[in-house]
Structure formats: structure tokens, C-alpha cells
Amino acid sequence: MSDCLFCKIARKEMSGSIVYEDDDLMAFKDIQPQAPVHILVIPKRHISGAMAATAGDAAILGRMILLSKILAERFSVSECGFRLVVNSGVDAGQAVAHLHMHFLGGRKLKWPPG
């Protein structure tokens, strides 16, 4: 999608503090972090959100979760823990219409989150 903020970051038309990238995924620091470690993980291919994902997206969705192991090691939160969040829809807090997973850590996270 040409005007999608996260697609522009994935195509490197906009800057982002990229911490991981491969052919299908990108991870970058959130510009409004809610924890000392707050990374957004996106598929490079545009998927507007969780409700737009299909069975054909299962592999990329699984890889997004598996990337959390790499991020946990890189940001030294593998022992203390981290949280993965996918917001779906405006009422859930999805601010950008591109599927993304929040990787949060570096402090004790409360429950319920909000």
C-alpha cells in the first residue's frame, strides 16, 4: 500500500531505527515507547491487520513470533521476560493499519494492560 507508514519504512522511503531485517520481516524501535524496550515487528508485505490475515499468512505470522527470541537475546530480556501484543482495530489501539506486533520489555509489566 503506497501511503501506509509502515510500508514506507519497510521500503526505506521513511527512516526508522531498524534493529532487524530479512526478506519478509522488519523490526524497528517504536517512536513512542511504552517500555524501555519497545520494538515493532512487521511483515514487509502489507497486511492491514489481524482480521485481514489469511491461512496463507500462517508462516509469516509464526516467524513474527519466533523473531521474539532473537529480540529477547539482543535486548537482554530473555531471562526477565517480555510481552508480545497485537492490537486489532481502533478500539484495541491499532493506530497504523498495517499488521504489527509490539515487543515490550525491560521493566515489570502490569496486568491487565489497560
PDB file of N, CA and C in Angstrom:
ATOM      1  N   MET A   1       0.850  -1.171   0.000  1.00  0.00           N
ATOM      2  CA  MET A   1       0.000   0.000   0.000  1.00  0.00           C
ATOM      3  C   MET A   1       0.899   1.238   0.000  1.00  0.00           C
ATOM      4  N   SER A   2       0.737   2.094  -0.957  1.00  0.00           N
ATOM      5  CA  SER A   2       1.689   3.177  -1.178  1.00  0.00           C
ATOM      6  C   SER A   2       1.724   4.227  -0.080  1.00  0.00           C
ATOM      7  N   ASP A   3       0.606   4.505   0.592  1.00  0.00           N
ATOM      8  CA  ASP A   3       0.600   5.560   1.597  1.00  0.00           C
ATOM      9  C   ASP A   3       0.693   5.043   3.035  1.00  0.00           C
ATOM     10  N   CYS A   4       0.897   3.752   3.221  1.00  0.00           N
ATOM     11  CA  CYS A   4       0.999   3.156   4.547  1.00  0.00           C
ATOM     12  C   CYS A   4       2.349   3.516   5.182  1.00  0.00           C
ATOM     13  N   LEU A   5       2.295   4.047   6.387  1.00  0.00           N
ATOM     14  CA  LEU A   5       3.500   4.456   7.115  1.00  0.00           C
ATOM     15  C   LEU A   5       4.497   3.302   7.247  1.00  0.00           C
ATOM     16  N   PHE A   6       4.024   2.139   7.669  1.00  0.00           N
ATOM     17  CA  PHE A   6       4.940   1.022   7.881  1.00  0.00           C
ATOM     18  C   PHE A   6       5.461   0.451   6.564  1.00  0.00           C
ATOM     19  N   CYS A   7       4.663   0.510   5.490  1.00  0.00           N
ATOM     20  CA  CYS A   7       5.162   0.099   4.176  1.00  0.00           C
ATOM     21  C   CYS A   7       6.288   1.027   3.734  1.00  0.00           C
ATOM     22  N   LYS A   8       6.135   2.322   4.006  1.00  0.00           N
ATOM     23  CA  LYS A   8       7.183   3.281   3.646  1.00  0.00           C
ATOM     24  C   LYS A   8       8.467   3.002   4.411  1.00  0.00           C
ATOM     25  N   ILE A   9       8.348   2.630   5.685  1.00  0.00           N
ATOM     26  CA  ILE A   9       9.538   2.277   6.469  1.00  0.00           C
ATOM     27  C   ILE A   9      10.154   1.000   5.899  1.00  0.00           C
ATOM     28  N   ALA A  10       9.323   0.015   5.573  1.00  0.00           N
ATOM     29  CA  ALA A  10       9.820  -1.252   5.018  1.00  0.00           C
ATOM     30  C   ALA A  10      10.542  -1.034   3.688  1.00  0.00           C
ATOM     31  N   ARG A  11      10.051  -0.082   2.894  1.00  0.00           N
ATOM     32  CA  ARG A  11      10.699   0.224   1.606  1.00  0.00           C
ATOM     33  C   ARG A  11      11.842   1.225   1.769  1.00  0.00           C
ATOM     34  N   LYS A  12      12.054   1.672   2.994  1.00  0.00           N
ATOM     35  CA  LYS A  12      13.100   2.637   3.355  1.00  0.00           C
ATOM     36  C   LYS A  12      12.898   3.991   2.678  1.00  0.00           C
ATOM     37  N   GLU A  13      11.634   4.325   2.475  1.00  0.00           N
ATOM     38  CA  GLU A  13      11.272   5.652   1.992  1.00  0.00           C
ATOM     39  C   GLU A  13      11.154   6.621   3.168  1.00  0.00           C
ATOM     40  N   MET A  14      10.995   6.062   4.361  1.00  0.00           N
ATOM     41  CA  MET A  14      10.989   6.824   5.616  1.00  0.00           C
ATOM     42  C   MET A  14      11.983   6.148   6.545  1.00  0.00           C
ATOM     43  N   SER A  15      12.566   6.937   7.418  1.00  0.00           N
ATOM     44  CA  SER A  15      13.554   6.360   8.328  1.00  0.00           C
ATOM     45  C   SER A  15      12.867   5.682   9.507  1.00  0.00           C
ATOM     46  N   GLY A  16      13.550   4.721  10.019  1.00  0.00           N
ATOM     47  CA  GLY A  16      13.135   4.009  11.215  1.00  0.00           C
ATOM     48  C   GLY A  16      14.386   3.458  11.857  1.00  0.00           C
ATOM     49  N   SER A  17      14.360   3.326  13.154  1.00  0.00           N
ATOM     50  CA  SER A  17      15.510   2.776  13.864  1.00  0.00           C
ATOM     51  C   SER A  17      15.430   1.247  13.788  1.00  0.00           C
ATOM     52  N   ILE A  18      15.895   0.700  12.678  1.00  0.00           N
ATOM     53  CA  ILE A  18      15.763  -0.724  12.369  1.00  0.00           C
ATOM     54  C   ILE A  18      16.731  -1.539  13.217  1.00  0.00           C
ATOM     55  N   VAL A  19      16.191  -2.581  13.857  1.00  0.00           N
ATOM     56  CA  VAL A  19      17.013  -3.465  14.678  1.00  0.00           C
ATOM     57  C   VAL A  19      17.105  -4.874  14.104  1.00  0.00           C
ATOM     58  N   TYR A  20      16.242  -5.181  13.125  1.00  0.00           N
ATOM     59  CA  TYR A  20      16.274  -6.494  12.474  1.00  0.00           C
ATOM     60  C   TYR A  20      15.610  -6.350  11.110  1.00  0.00           C
ATOM     61  N   GLU A  21      16.154  -7.086  10.143  1.00  0.00           N
ATOM     62  CA  GLU A  21      15.535  -7.103   8.822  1.00  0.00           C
ATOM     63  C   GLU A  21      15.950  -8.361   8.085  1.00  0.00           C
ATOM     64  N   ASP A  22      14.984  -8.985   7.418  1.00  0.00           N
ATOM     65  CA  ASP A  22      15.276 -10.057   6.479  1.00  0.00           C
ATOM     66  C   ASP A  22      14.366  -9.841   5.269  1.00  0.00           C
ATOM     67  N   ASP A  23      14.227 -10.811   4.403  1.00  0.00           N
ATOM     68  CA  ASP A  23      13.438 -10.631   3.187  1.00  0.00           C
ATOM     69  C   ASP A  23      11.958 -10.363   3.467  1.00  0.00           C
ATOM     70  N   ASP A  24      11.437 -10.893   4.578  1.00  0.00           N
ATOM     71  CA  ASP A  24      10.000 -10.832   4.851  1.00  0.00           C
ATOM     72  C   ASP A  24       9.600  -9.972   6.040  1.00  0.00           C
ATOM     73  N   LEU A  25      10.503  -9.780   6.991  1.00  0.00           N
ATOM     74  CA  LEU A  25      10.183  -9.085   8.235  1.00  0.00           C
ATOM     75  C   LEU A  25      11.105  -7.910   8.484  1.00  0.00           C
ATOM     76  N   MET A  26      10.600  -6.970   9.258  1.00  0.00           N
ATOM     77  CA  MET A  26      11.417  -5.859   9.721  1.00  0.00           C
ATOM     78  C   MET A  26      11.010  -5.566  11.162  1.00  0.00           C
ATOM     79  N   ALA A  27      11.978  -5.175  11.971  1.00  0.00           N
ATOM     80  CA  ALA A  27      11.710  -4.777  13.349  1.00  0.00           C
ATOM     81  C   ALA A  27      12.431  -3.455  13.590  1.00  0.00           C
ATOM     82  N   PHE A  28      11.718  -2.525  14.223  1.00  0.00           N
ATOM     83  CA  PHE A  28      12.292  -1.205  14.485  1.00  0.00           C
ATOM     84  C   PHE A  28      11.750  -0.663  15.802  1.00  0.00           C
ATOM     85  N   LYS A  29      12.486   0.285  16.371  1.00  0.00           N
ATOM     86  CA  LYS A  29      12.101   0.858  17.651  1.00  0.00           C
ATOM     87  C   LYS A  29      10.848   1.721  17.499  1.00  0.00           C
ATOM     88  N   ASP A  30       9.938   1.602  18.459  1.00  0.00           N
ATOM     89  CA  ASP A  30       8.728   2.421  18.479  1.00  0.00           C
ATOM     90  C   ASP A  30       9.112   3.859  18.811  1.00  0.00           C
ATOM     91  N   ILE A  31       8.515   4.820  18.113  1.00  0.00           N
ATOM     92  CA  ILE A  31       8.863   6.227  18.349  1.00  0.00           C
ATOM     93  C   ILE A  31       8.202   6.782  19.605  1.00  0.00           C
ATOM     94  N   GLN A  32       7.224   6.053  20.165  1.00  0.00           N
ATOM     95  CA  GLN A  32       6.595   6.430  21.426  1.00  0.00           C
ATOM     96  C   GLN A  32       6.637   5.228  22.359  1.00  0.00           C
ATOM     97  N   PRO A  33       7.833   4.876  22.840  1.00  0.00           N
ATOM     98  CA  PRO A  33       7.982   3.637  23.616  1.00  0.00           C
ATOM     99  C   PRO A  33       7.183   3.648  24.915  1.00  0.00           C
ATOM    100  N   GLN A  34       6.585   2.500  25.193  1.00  0.00           N
ATOM    101  CA  GLN A  34       5.820   2.293  26.417  1.00  0.00           C
ATOM    102  C   GLN A  34       6.584   1.451  27.433  1.00  0.00           C
ATOM    103  N   ALA A  35       7.809   1.098  27.101  1.00  0.00           N
ATOM    104  CA  ALA A  35       8.695   0.322  27.973  1.00  0.00           C
ATOM    105  C   ALA A  35      10.118   0.624  27.528  1.00  0.00           C
ATOM    106  N   PRO A  36      11.106   0.339  28.374  1.00  0.00           N
ATOM    107  CA  PRO A  36      12.495   0.583  27.972  1.00  0.00           C
ATOM    108  C   PRO A  36      12.865  -0.103  26.658  1.00  0.00           C
ATOM    109  N   VAL A  37      12.295  -1.267  26.414  1.00  0.00           N
ATOM    110  CA  VAL A  37      12.463  -1.957  25.142  1.00  0.00           C
ATOM    111  C   VAL A  37      11.081  -2.016  24.500  1.00  0.00           C
ATOM    112  N   HIS A  38      10.914  -1.332  23.384  1.00  0.00           N
ATOM    113  CA  HIS A  38       9.626  -1.344  22.669  1.00  0.00           C
ATOM    114  C   HIS A  38       9.932  -1.374  21.177  1.00  0.00           C
ATOM    115  N   ILE A  39       9.802  -2.566  20.611  1.00  0.00           N
ATOM    116  CA  ILE A  39      10.126  -2.822  19.220  1.00  0.00           C
ATOM    117  C   ILE A  39       8.843  -3.209  18.488  1.00  0.00           C
ATOM    118  N   LEU A  40       8.687  -2.713  17.273  1.00  0.00           N
ATOM    119  CA  LEU A  40       7.572  -3.120  16.418  1.00  0.00           C
ATOM    120  C   LEU A  40       8.090  -4.104  15.379  1.00  0.00           C
ATOM    121  N   VAL A  41       7.392  -5.213  15.234  1.00  0.00           N
ATOM    122  CA  VAL A  41       7.737  -6.241  14.257  1.00  0.00           C
ATOM    123  C   VAL A  41       6.651  -6.230  13.190  1.00  0.00           C
ATOM    124  N   ILE A  42       7.047  -6.070  11.925  1.00  0.00           N
ATOM    125  CA  ILE A  42       6.076  -6.010  10.836  1.00  0.00           C
ATOM    126  C   ILE A  42       6.452  -6.975   9.719  1.00  0.00           C
ATOM    127  N   PRO A  43       5.424  -7.484   9.013  1.00  0.00           N
ATOM    128  CA  PRO A  43       5.727  -8.135   7.745  1.00  0.00           C
ATOM    129  C   PRO A  43       5.992  -7.029   6.733  1.00  0.00           C
ATOM    130  N   LYS A  44       6.941  -7.213   5.858  1.00  0.00           N
ATOM    131  CA  LYS A  44       7.214  -6.198   4.842  1.00  0.00           C
ATOM    132  C   LYS A  44       6.051  -6.086   3.849  1.00  0.00           C
ATOM    133  N   ARG A  45       5.409  -7.200   3.589  1.00  0.00           N
ATOM    134  CA  ARG A  45       4.232  -7.198   2.711  1.00  0.00           C
ATOM    135  C   ARG A  45       3.053  -6.633   3.490  1.00  0.00           C
ATOM    136  N   HIS A  46       2.295  -5.774   2.865  1.00  0.00           N
ATOM    137  CA  HIS A  46       1.182  -5.121   3.553  1.00  0.00           C
ATOM    138  C   HIS A  46       0.067  -6.108   3.881  1.00  0.00           C
ATOM    139  N   ILE A  47      -0.230  -6.208   5.160  1.00  0.00           N
ATOM    140  CA  ILE A  47      -1.412  -6.890   5.681  1.00  0.00           C
ATOM    141  C   ILE A  47      -2.018  -5.853   6.620  1.00  0.00           C
ATOM    142  N   SER A  48      -3.245  -5.460   6.412  1.00  0.00           N
ATOM    143  CA  SER A  48      -3.793  -4.319   7.150  1.00  0.00           C
ATOM    144  C   SER A  48      -3.982  -4.569   8.635  1.00  0.00           C
ATOM    145  N   GLY A  49      -4.115  -5.804   9.041  1.00  0.00           N
ATOM    146  CA  GLY A  49      -4.280  -6.116  10.461  1.00  0.00           C
ATOM    147  C   GLY A  49      -4.573  -7.591  10.648  1.00  0.00           C
ATOM    148  N   ALA A  50      -4.795  -7.991  11.894  1.00  0.00           N
ATOM    149  CA  ALA A  50      -5.028  -9.400  12.207  1.00  0.00           C
ATOM    150  C   ALA A  50      -6.249  -9.957  11.475  1.00  0.00           C
ATOM    151  N   MET A  51      -7.291  -9.140  11.334  1.00  0.00           N
ATOM    152  CA  MET A  51      -8.504  -9.607  10.670  1.00  0.00           C
ATOM    153  C   MET A  51      -8.315  -9.782   9.165  1.00  0.00           C
ATOM    154  N   ALA A  52      -7.279  -9.210   8.606  1.00  0.00           N
ATOM    155  CA  ALA A  52      -7.001  -9.357   7.173  1.00  0.00           C
ATOM    156  C   ALA A  52      -6.066 -10.527   6.884  1.00  0.00           C
ATOM    157  N   ALA A  53      -5.479 -11.108   7.921  1.00  0.00           N
ATOM    158  CA  ALA A  53      -4.571 -12.239   7.730  1.00  0.00           C
ATOM    159  C   ALA A  53      -5.366 -13.463   7.267  1.00  0.00           C
ATOM    160  N   THR A  54      -4.726 -14.283   6.447  1.00  0.00           N
ATOM    161  CA  THR A  54      -5.365 -15.491   5.927  1.00  0.00           C
ATOM    162  C   THR A  54      -4.509 -16.709   6.283  1.00  0.00           C
ATOM    163  N   ALA A  55      -5.030 -17.873   5.973  1.00  0.00           N
ATOM    164  CA  ALA A  55      -4.269 -19.105   6.209  1.00  0.00           C
ATOM    165  C   ALA A  55      -2.936 -19.058   5.465  1.00  0.00           C
ATOM    166  N   GLY A  56      -2.892 -18.378   4.340  1.00  0.00           N
ATOM    167  CA  GLY A  56      -1.654 -18.243   3.584  1.00  0.00           C
ATOM    168  C   GLY A  56      -0.605 -17.399   4.291  1.00  0.00           C
ATOM    169  N   ASP A  57      -1.004 -16.660   5.311  1.00  0.00           N
ATOM    170  CA  ASP A  57      -0.080 -15.828   6.088  1.00  0.00           C
ATOM    171  C   ASP A  57       0.470 -16.544   7.321  1.00  0.00           C
ATOM    172  N   ALA A  58       0.079 -17.792   7.527  1.00  0.00           N
ATOM    173  CA  ALA A  58       0.463 -18.509   8.744  1.00  0.00           C
ATOM    174  C   ALA A  58       1.977 -18.545   8.954  1.00  0.00           C
ATOM    175  N   ALA A  59       2.735 -18.763   7.921  1.00  0.00           N
ATOM    176  CA  ALA A  59       4.191 -18.858   8.072  1.00  0.00           C
ATOM    177  C   ALA A  59       4.782 -17.530   8.529  1.00  0.00           C
ATOM    178  N   ILE A  60       4.356 -16.432   7.929  1.00  0.00           N
ATOM    179  CA  ILE A  60       4.905 -15.126   8.312  1.00  0.00           C
ATOM    180  C   ILE A  60       4.464 -14.753   9.726  1.00  0.00           C
ATOM    181  N   LEU A  61       3.244 -15.111  10.106  1.00  0.00           N
ATOM    182  CA  LEU A  61       2.775 -14.838  11.469  1.00  0.00           C
ATOM    183  C   LEU A  61       3.609 -15.628  12.482  1.00  0.00           C
ATOM    184  N   GLY A  62       3.889 -16.860  12.162  1.00  0.00           N
ATOM    185  CA  GLY A  62       4.733 -17.678  13.039  1.00  0.00           C
ATOM    186  C   GLY A  62       6.144 -17.131  13.137  1.00  0.00           C
ATOM    187  N   ARG A  63       6.672 -16.670  12.030  1.00  0.00           N
ATOM    188  CA  ARG A  63       8.025 -16.095  12.040  1.00  0.00           C
ATOM    189  C   ARG A  63       8.083 -14.816  12.864  1.00  0.00           C
ATOM    190  N   MET A  64       6.993 -14.045  12.870  1.00  0.00           N
ATOM    191  CA  MET A  64       6.957 -12.829  13.694  1.00  0.00           C
ATOM    192  C   MET A  64       7.137 -13.200  15.170  1.00  0.00           C
ATOM    193  N   ILE A  65       6.460 -14.242  15.604  1.00  0.00           N
ATOM    194  CA  ILE A  65       6.575 -14.669  16.999  1.00  0.00           C
ATOM    195  C   ILE A  65       7.958 -15.247  17.272  1.00  0.00           C
ATOM    196  N   LEU A  66       8.475 -16.055  16.371  1.00  0.00           N
ATOM    197  CA  LEU A  66       9.803 -16.634  16.571  1.00  0.00           C
ATOM    198  C   LEU A  66      10.902 -15.575  16.602  1.00  0.00           C
ATOM    199  N   LEU A  67      10.701 -14.464  15.914  1.00  0.00           N
ATOM    200  CA  LEU A  67      11.673 -13.368  15.953  1.00  0.00           C
ATOM    201  C   LEU A  67      11.827 -12.821  17.372  1.00  0.00           C
ATOM    202  N   SER A  68      10.801 -13.003  18.203  1.00  0.00           N
ATOM    203  CA  SER A  68      10.894 -12.505  19.580  1.00  0.00           C
ATOM    204  C   SER A  68      12.065 -13.140  20.331  1.00  0.00           C
ATOM    205  N   LYS A  69      12.438 -14.357  20.001  1.00  0.00           N
ATOM    206  CA  LYS A  69      13.590 -14.991  20.653  1.00  0.00           C
ATOM    207  C   LYS A  69      14.878 -14.240  20.335  1.00  0.00           C
ATOM    208  N   ILE A  70      15.033 -13.834  19.083  1.00  0.00           N
ATOM    209  CA  ILE A  70      16.220 -13.073  18.670  1.00  0.00           C
ATOM    210  C   ILE A  70      16.232 -11.718  19.363  1.00  0.00           C
ATOM    211  N   LEU A  71      15.082 -11.055  19.375  1.00  0.00           N
ATOM    212  CA  LEU A  71      14.997  -9.735  20.016  1.00  0.00           C
ATOM    213  C   LEU A  71      15.250  -9.829  21.519  1.00  0.00           C
ATOM    214  N   ALA A  72      14.725 -10.869  22.150  1.00  0.00           N
ATOM    215  CA  ALA A  72      14.922 -11.043  23.593  1.00  0.00           C
ATOM    216  C   ALA A  72      16.402 -11.175  23.932  1.00  0.00           C
ATOM    217  N   GLU A  73      17.133 -11.918  23.146  1.00  0.00           N
ATOM    218  CA  GLU A  73      18.573 -12.053  23.369  1.00  0.00           C
ATOM    219  C   GLU A  73      19.288 -10.736  23.099  1.00  0.00           C
ATOM    220  N   ARG A  74      18.968 -10.111  21.985  1.00  0.00           N
ATOM    221  CA  ARG A  74      19.627  -8.861  21.573  1.00  0.00           C
ATOM    222  C   ARG A  74      19.423  -7.741  22.593  1.00  0.00           C
ATOM    223  N   PHE A  75      18.237  -7.690  23.198  1.00  0.00           N
ATOM    224  CA  PHE A  75      17.918  -6.609  24.129  1.00  0.00           C
ATOM    225  C   PHE A  75      17.949  -7.058  25.597  1.00  0.00           C
ATOM    226  N   SER A  76      18.548  -8.206  25.844  1.00  0.00           N
ATOM    227  CA  SER A  76      18.814  -8.716  27.195  1.00  0.00           C
ATOM    228  C   SER A  76      17.569  -8.824  28.068  1.00  0.00           C
ATOM    229  N   VAL A  77      16.483  -9.339  27.482  1.00  0.00           N
ATOM    230  CA  VAL A  77      15.266  -9.562  28.269  1.00  0.00           C
ATOM    231  C   VAL A  77      14.810 -11.025  28.228  1.00  0.00           C
ATOM    232  N   SER A  78      15.671 -11.900  27.737  1.00  0.00           N
ATOM    233  CA  SER A  78      15.281 -13.309  27.638  1.00  0.00           C
ATOM    234  C   SER A  78      15.076 -13.945  29.007  1.00  0.00           C
ATOM    235  N   GLU A  79      15.807 -13.516  29.990  1.00  0.00           N
ATOM    236  CA  GLU A  79      15.681 -14.081  31.342  1.00  0.00           C
ATOM    237  C   GLU A  79      14.548 -13.440  32.134  1.00  0.00           C
ATOM    238  N   CYS A  80      14.429 -12.123  32.080  1.00  0.00           N
ATOM    239  CA  CYS A  80      13.422 -11.423  32.889  1.00  0.00           C
ATOM    240  C   CYS A  80      12.042 -11.434  32.249  1.00  0.00           C
ATOM    241  N   GLY A  81      11.966 -11.569  30.938  1.00  0.00           N
ATOM    242  CA  GLY A  81      10.689 -11.693  30.256  1.00  0.00           C
ATOM    243  C   GLY A  81      10.329 -10.503  29.395  1.00  0.00           C
ATOM    244  N   PHE A  82       9.317 -10.712  28.569  1.00  0.00           N
ATOM    245  CA  PHE A  82       8.856  -9.701  27.629  1.00  0.00           C
ATOM    246  C   PHE A  82       7.396  -9.993  27.302  1.00  0.00           C
ATOM    247  N   ARG A  83       6.754  -9.054  26.641  1.00  0.00           N
ATOM    248  CA  ARG A  83       5.363  -9.212  26.237  1.00  0.00           C
ATOM    249  C   ARG A  83       5.243  -8.967  24.743  1.00  0.00           C
ATOM    250  N   LEU A  84       4.400  -9.774  24.098  1.00  0.00           N
ATOM    251  CA  LEU A  84       4.067  -9.596  22.685  1.00  0.00           C
ATOM    252  C   LEU A  84       2.614  -9.164  22.608  1.00  0.00           C
ATOM    253  N   VAL A  85       2.338  -8.107  21.840  1.00  0.00           N
ATOM    254  CA  VAL A  85       0.974  -7.582  21.725  1.00  0.00           C
ATOM    255  C   VAL A  85       0.656  -7.310  20.263  1.00  0.00           C
ATOM    256  N   VAL A  86      -0.523  -7.759  19.830  1.00  0.00           N
ATOM    257  CA  VAL A  86      -1.052  -7.397  18.522  1.00  0.00           C
ATOM    258  C   VAL A  86      -2.411  -6.770  18.765  1.00  0.00           C
ATOM    259  N   ASN A  87      -2.533  -5.491  18.459  1.00  0.00           N
ATOM    260  CA  ASN A  87      -3.808  -4.796  18.573  1.00  0.00           C
ATOM    261  C   ASN A  87      -4.554  -4.947  17.254  1.00  0.00           C
ATOM    262  N   SER A  88      -5.857  -5.178  17.335  1.00  0.00           N
ATOM    263  CA  SER A  88      -6.665  -5.358  16.130  1.00  0.00           C
ATOM    264  C   SER A  88      -7.862  -4.418  16.175  1.00  0.00           C
ATOM    265  N   GLY A  89      -7.792  -3.371  15.384  1.00  0.00           N
ATOM    266  CA  GLY A  89      -8.889  -2.413  15.325  1.00  0.00           C
ATOM    267  C   GLY A  89      -8.660  -1.195  16.194  1.00  0.00           C
ATOM    268  N   VAL A  90      -9.405  -0.150  15.895  1.00  0.00           N
ATOM    269  CA  VAL A  90      -9.250   1.138  16.570  1.00  0.00           C
ATOM    270  C   VAL A  90      -9.508   1.029  18.073  1.00  0.00           C
ATOM    271  N   ASP A  91     -10.563   0.334  18.482  1.00  0.00           N
ATOM    272  CA  ASP A  91     -10.874   0.236  19.911  1.00  0.00           C
ATOM    273  C   ASP A  91      -9.796  -0.515  20.695  1.00  0.00           C
ATOM    274  N   ALA A  92      -9.048  -1.355  20.020  1.00  0.00           N
ATOM    275  CA  ALA A  92      -7.957  -2.087  20.679  1.00  0.00           C
ATOM    276  C   ALA A  92      -6.669  -1.290  20.704  1.00  0.00           C
ATOM    277  N   GLY A  93      -6.641  -0.164  19.989  1.00  0.00           N
ATOM    278  CA  GLY A  93      -5.452   0.678  19.989  1.00  0.00           C
ATOM    279  C   GLY A  93      -4.593   0.556  18.751  1.00  0.00           C
ATOM    280  N   GLN A  94      -5.093  -0.101  17.699  1.00  0.00           N
ATOM    281  CA  GLN A  94      -4.303  -0.196  16.469  1.00  0.00           C
ATOM    282  C   GLN A  94      -4.305   1.168  15.792  1.00  0.00           C
ATOM    283  N   ALA A  95      -3.149   1.835  15.794  1.00  0.00           N
ATOM    284  CA  ALA A  95      -3.041   3.193  15.264  1.00  0.00           C
ATOM    285  C   ALA A  95      -2.583   3.222  13.809  1.00  0.00           C
ATOM    286  N   VAL A  96      -1.919   2.161  13.344  1.00  0.00           N
ATOM    287  CA  VAL A  96      -1.449   2.087  11.959  1.00  0.00           C
ATOM    288  C   VAL A  96      -2.075   0.839  11.336  1.00  0.00           C
ATOM    289  N   ALA A  97      -2.721   1.009  10.198  1.00  0.00           N
ATOM    290  CA  ALA A  97      -3.418  -0.099   9.534  1.00  0.00           C
ATOM    291  C   ALA A  97      -2.437  -0.963   8.743  1.00  0.00           C
ATOM    292  N   HIS A  98      -1.486  -1.513   9.458  1.00  0.00           N
ATOM    293  CA  HIS A  98      -0.518  -2.479   8.919  1.00  0.00           C
ATOM    294  C   HIS A  98      -0.251  -3.422  10.090  1.00  0.00           C
ATOM    295  N   LEU A  99      -0.427  -4.703   9.878  1.00  0.00           N
ATOM    296  CA  LEU A  99      -0.221  -5.671  10.946  1.00  0.00           C
ATOM    297  C   LEU A  99       1.134  -5.444  11.603  1.00  0.00           C
ATOM    298  N   HIS A 100       1.137  -5.341  12.917  1.00  0.00           N
ATOM    299  CA  HIS A 100       2.396  -5.194  13.641  1.00  0.00           C
ATOM    300  C   HIS A 100       2.259  -5.786  15.030  1.00  0.00           C
ATOM    301  N   MET A 101       3.383  -6.275  15.521  1.00  0.00           N
ATOM    302  CA  MET A 101       3.444  -6.868  16.844  1.00  0.00           C
ATOM    303  C   MET A 101       4.370  -6.011  17.700  1.00  0.00           C
ATOM    304  N   HIS A 102       3.892  -5.651  18.878  1.00  0.00           N
ATOM    305  CA  HIS A 102       4.717  -4.908  19.828  1.00  0.00           C
ATOM    306  C   HIS A 102       5.515  -5.907  20.659  1.00  0.00           C
ATOM    307  N   PHE A 103       6.797  -5.694  20.764  1.00  0.00           N
ATOM    308  CA  PHE A 103       7.696  -6.462  21.624  1.00  0.00           C
ATOM    309  C   PHE A 103       8.089  -5.508  22.749  1.00  0.00           C
ATOM    310  N   LEU A 104       7.637  -5.797  23.974  1.00  0.00           N
ATOM    311  CA  LEU A 104       7.840  -4.903  25.121  1.00  0.00           C
ATOM    312  C   LEU A 104       8.613  -5.610  26.221  1.00  0.00           C
ATOM    313  N   GLY A 105       9.570  -4.910  26.808  1.00  0.00           N
ATOM    314  CA  GLY A 105      10.326  -5.491  27.905  1.00  0.00           C
ATOM    315  C   GLY A 105      11.197  -4.445  28.575  1.00  0.00           C
ATOM    316  N   GLY A 106      11.996  -4.916  29.495  1.00  0.00           N
ATOM    317  CA  GLY A 106      12.931  -4.028  30.170  1.00  0.00           C
ATOM    318  C   GLY A 106      12.414  -3.449  31.482  1.00  0.00           C
ATOM    319  N   ARG A 107      11.192  -3.783  31.852  1.00  0.00           N
ATOM    320  CA  ARG A 107      10.610  -3.383  33.135  1.00  0.00           C
ATOM    321  C   ARG A 107       9.494  -4.361  33.460  1.00  0.00           C
ATOM    322  N   LYS A 108       9.053  -4.352  34.708  1.00  0.00           N
ATOM    323  CA  LYS A 108       7.927  -5.190  35.101  1.00  0.00           C
ATOM    324  C   LYS A 108       6.670  -4.628  34.453  1.00  0.00           C
ATOM    325  N   LEU A 109       5.980  -5.467  33.712  1.00  0.00           N
ATOM    326  CA  LEU A 109       4.768  -5.065  33.004  1.00  0.00           C
ATOM    327  C   LEU A 109       3.546  -5.481  33.826  1.00  0.00           C
ATOM    328  N   LYS A 110       2.599  -4.597  33.934  1.00  0.00           N
ATOM    329  CA  LYS A 110       1.412  -4.860  34.756  1.00  0.00           C
ATOM    330  C   LYS A 110       0.327  -5.564  33.937  1.00  0.00           C
ATOM    331  N   TRP A 111      -0.597  -6.203  34.666  1.00  0.00           N
ATOM    332  CA  TRP A 111      -1.747  -6.850  34.053  1.00  0.00           C
ATOM    333  C   TRP A 111      -2.964  -6.542  34.884  1.00  0.00           C
ATOM    334  N   PRO A 112      -4.093  -6.199  34.344  1.00  0.00           N
ATOM    335  CA  PRO A 112      -4.335  -6.059  32.916  1.00  0.00           C
ATOM    336  C   PRO A 112      -3.668  -4.802  32.361  1.00  0.00           C
ATOM    337  N   PRO A 113      -3.395  -4.810  31.047  1.00  0.00           N
ATOM    338  CA  PRO A 113      -2.625  -3.713  30.456  1.00  0.00           C
ATOM    339  C   PRO A 113      -3.405  -2.421  30.295  1.00  0.00           C
ATOM    340  N   GLY A 114      -4.692  -2.418  30.235  1.00  0.00           N
ATOM    341  CA  GLY A 114      -5.396  -1.166  30.065  1.00  0.00           C
ATOM    342  C   GLY A 114      -6.797  -1.394  29.775  1.00  0.00           C
TER     343      GLY A 114
END
